[in-house]
Amino acid sequence: MQRRQTDARFAERVLTGVDDRGDEERIVLWIERKPGALWAVGRAVNPHLRQSDAPRGEDYVFEGYELDDALEAANAALEDDVRVLEEDGFDQGRVPPFKRSELLGPLERWFFGRR
């Protein structure tokens, strides 16, 4: 069975707002584990409207080997998007930051090949 592109995602946040035309806009931020022991942070706008669930190269805002660096990049992107949405009048409520603890369980399952 082939893994889907989203199988390596360990944590995800979805924010909702409205674009310039008044249509709903979804911003998806995630942390994933890539081959070669790389952590990656992705950010995509309206990925549900794409023909494939595969992230594009330009979706990645960080790639590196340190989990703490990935968490810092992911939370900085998340804070920026929440701030902009709030300035535009879209209250997201409490959006929890990405935390190391939520990544450790999926990392163990991914590392040992368990689902």
Protein backbone atom coordinates (compact mmCIF):
# COMPACT_ATOMS: atom_id res chain seq x y z
CA MET A 1 0.00 0.00 0.00
CA GLN A 2 1.42 3.38 -1.00
CA ARG A 3 1.47 6.06 1.66
CA ARG A 4 -0.40 9.26 1.03
CA GLN A 5 1.60 12.49 1.06
CA THR A 6 -0.10 13.51 4.30
CA ASP A 7 0.92 10.32 6.16
CA ALA A 8 4.17 11.93 7.33
CA ARG A 9 2.36 14.91 8.86
CA PHE A 10 2.72 14.81 12.60
CA ALA A 11 0.75 17.93 13.51
CA GLU A 12 -1.57 20.28 11.66
CA ARG A 13 -3.52 23.49 12.23
CA VAL A 14 -6.26 24.86 9.98
CA LEU A 15 -7.24 28.53 10.03
CA THR A 16 -10.24 30.00 8.23
CA GLY A 17 -10.76 33.44 6.80
CA VAL A 18 -12.05 35.13 3.67
CA ASP A 19 -10.05 36.07 0.59
CA ASP A 20 -10.18 39.34 -1.37
CA ARG A 21 -13.25 38.17 -3.32
CA GLY A 22 -15.19 37.20 -0.21
CA ASP A 23 -14.72 33.45 -0.66
CA GLU A 24 -13.74 31.21 2.24
CA GLU A 25 -9.99 30.75 2.53
CA ARG A 26 -8.33 27.93 4.48
CA ILE A 27 -4.76 28.18 5.64
CA VAL A 28 -3.20 24.85 6.59
CA LEU A 29 0.06 24.71 8.54
CA TRP A 30 1.77 21.44 9.37
CA ILE A 31 4.92 19.78 10.64
CA GLU A 32 6.08 16.65 8.87
CA ARG A 33 8.98 14.26 8.81
CA LYS A 34 10.71 13.88 5.44
CA PRO A 35 13.19 11.25 4.27
CA GLY A 36 16.74 11.86 5.45
CA ALA A 37 15.66 12.75 9.00
CA LEU A 38 14.44 16.19 7.91
CA TRP A 39 11.75 18.09 9.73
CA ALA A 40 9.64 20.28 7.47
CA VAL A 41 7.07 22.96 8.13
CA GLY A 42 4.50 23.59 5.45
CA ARG A 43 1.93 26.29 4.86
CA ALA A 44 -0.66 26.10 2.10
CA VAL A 45 -3.65 28.24 1.23
CA ASN A 46 -6.74 26.33 0.09
CA PRO A 47 -4.99 22.98 -0.44
CA HIS A 48 -8.42 21.32 -0.57
CA LEU A 49 -8.97 22.98 -3.95
CA ARG A 50 -5.88 21.36 -5.50
CA GLN A 51 -5.99 18.27 -7.68
CA SER A 52 -3.41 16.49 -5.51
CA ASP A 53 -2.79 16.34 -1.78
CA ALA A 54 0.96 16.48 -2.45
CA PRO A 55 2.55 19.66 -1.09
CA ARG A 56 4.27 21.94 -3.57
CA GLY A 57 7.87 23.03 -3.11
CA GLU A 58 6.80 26.59 -2.39
CA ASP A 59 4.56 25.37 0.45
CA TYR A 60 7.55 24.69 2.67
CA VAL A 61 8.65 27.47 5.00
CA PHE A 62 11.29 25.41 6.81
CA GLU A 63 13.35 22.26 6.38
CA GLY A 64 16.02 21.20 8.84
CA TYR A 65 17.29 18.54 11.20
CA GLU A 66 16.37 20.06 14.56
CA LEU A 67 12.89 19.56 15.97
CA ASP A 68 13.14 22.72 18.06
CA ASP A 69 13.91 24.77 14.94
CA ALA A 70 10.89 23.26 13.18
CA LEU A 71 8.67 24.08 16.15
CA GLU A 72 9.95 27.65 16.20
CA ALA A 73 9.31 28.10 12.46
CA ALA A 74 5.86 26.51 12.65
CA ASN A 75 4.75 28.60 15.61
CA ALA A 76 6.09 31.82 14.06
CA ALA A 77 4.10 31.14 10.87
CA LEU A 78 1.03 30.22 12.90
CA GLU A 79 1.24 33.39 15.01
CA ASP A 80 1.64 35.55 11.90
CA ASP A 81 -1.41 34.03 10.21
CA VAL A 82 -3.57 34.27 13.33
CA ARG A 83 -2.55 37.93 13.81
CA VAL A 84 -3.38 38.83 10.20
CA LEU A 85 -6.74 37.05 10.36
CA GLU A 86 -7.60 38.81 13.62
CA GLU A 87 -6.63 42.18 12.13
CA ASP A 88 -9.00 41.37 9.26
CA GLY A 89 -11.79 40.66 11.76
CA PHE A 90 -11.69 36.86 11.80
CA ASP A 91 -11.42 35.59 15.35
CA GLN A 92 -9.85 32.12 15.35
CA GLY A 93 -10.47 31.57 19.03
CA ARG A 94 -7.65 29.90 20.87
CA VAL A 95 -5.33 28.22 18.37
CA PRO A 96 -2.92 25.99 20.28
CA PRO A 97 0.76 26.34 19.41
CA PHE A 98 2.63 23.35 18.04
CA LYS A 99 4.27 21.45 20.89
CA ARG A 100 7.05 18.91 21.07
CA SER A 101 4.85 16.51 23.05
CA GLU A 102 2.29 16.18 20.23
CA LEU A 103 5.05 15.17 17.80
CA LEU A 104 6.73 12.47 19.86
CA GLY A 105 3.97 9.84 19.55
CA PRO A 106 3.69 10.13 15.77
CA LEU A 107 7.50 10.19 15.51
CA GLU A 108 7.75 6.90 17.37
CA ARG A 109 5.04 5.30 15.20
CA TRP A 110 6.69 6.65 12.03
CA PHE A 111 10.16 5.54 13.12
CA PHE A 112 9.06 2.01 13.96
CA GLY A 113 6.71 1.75 10.96
CA ARG A 114 3.51 1.48 12.98
CA ARG A 115 0.24 3.10 12.02
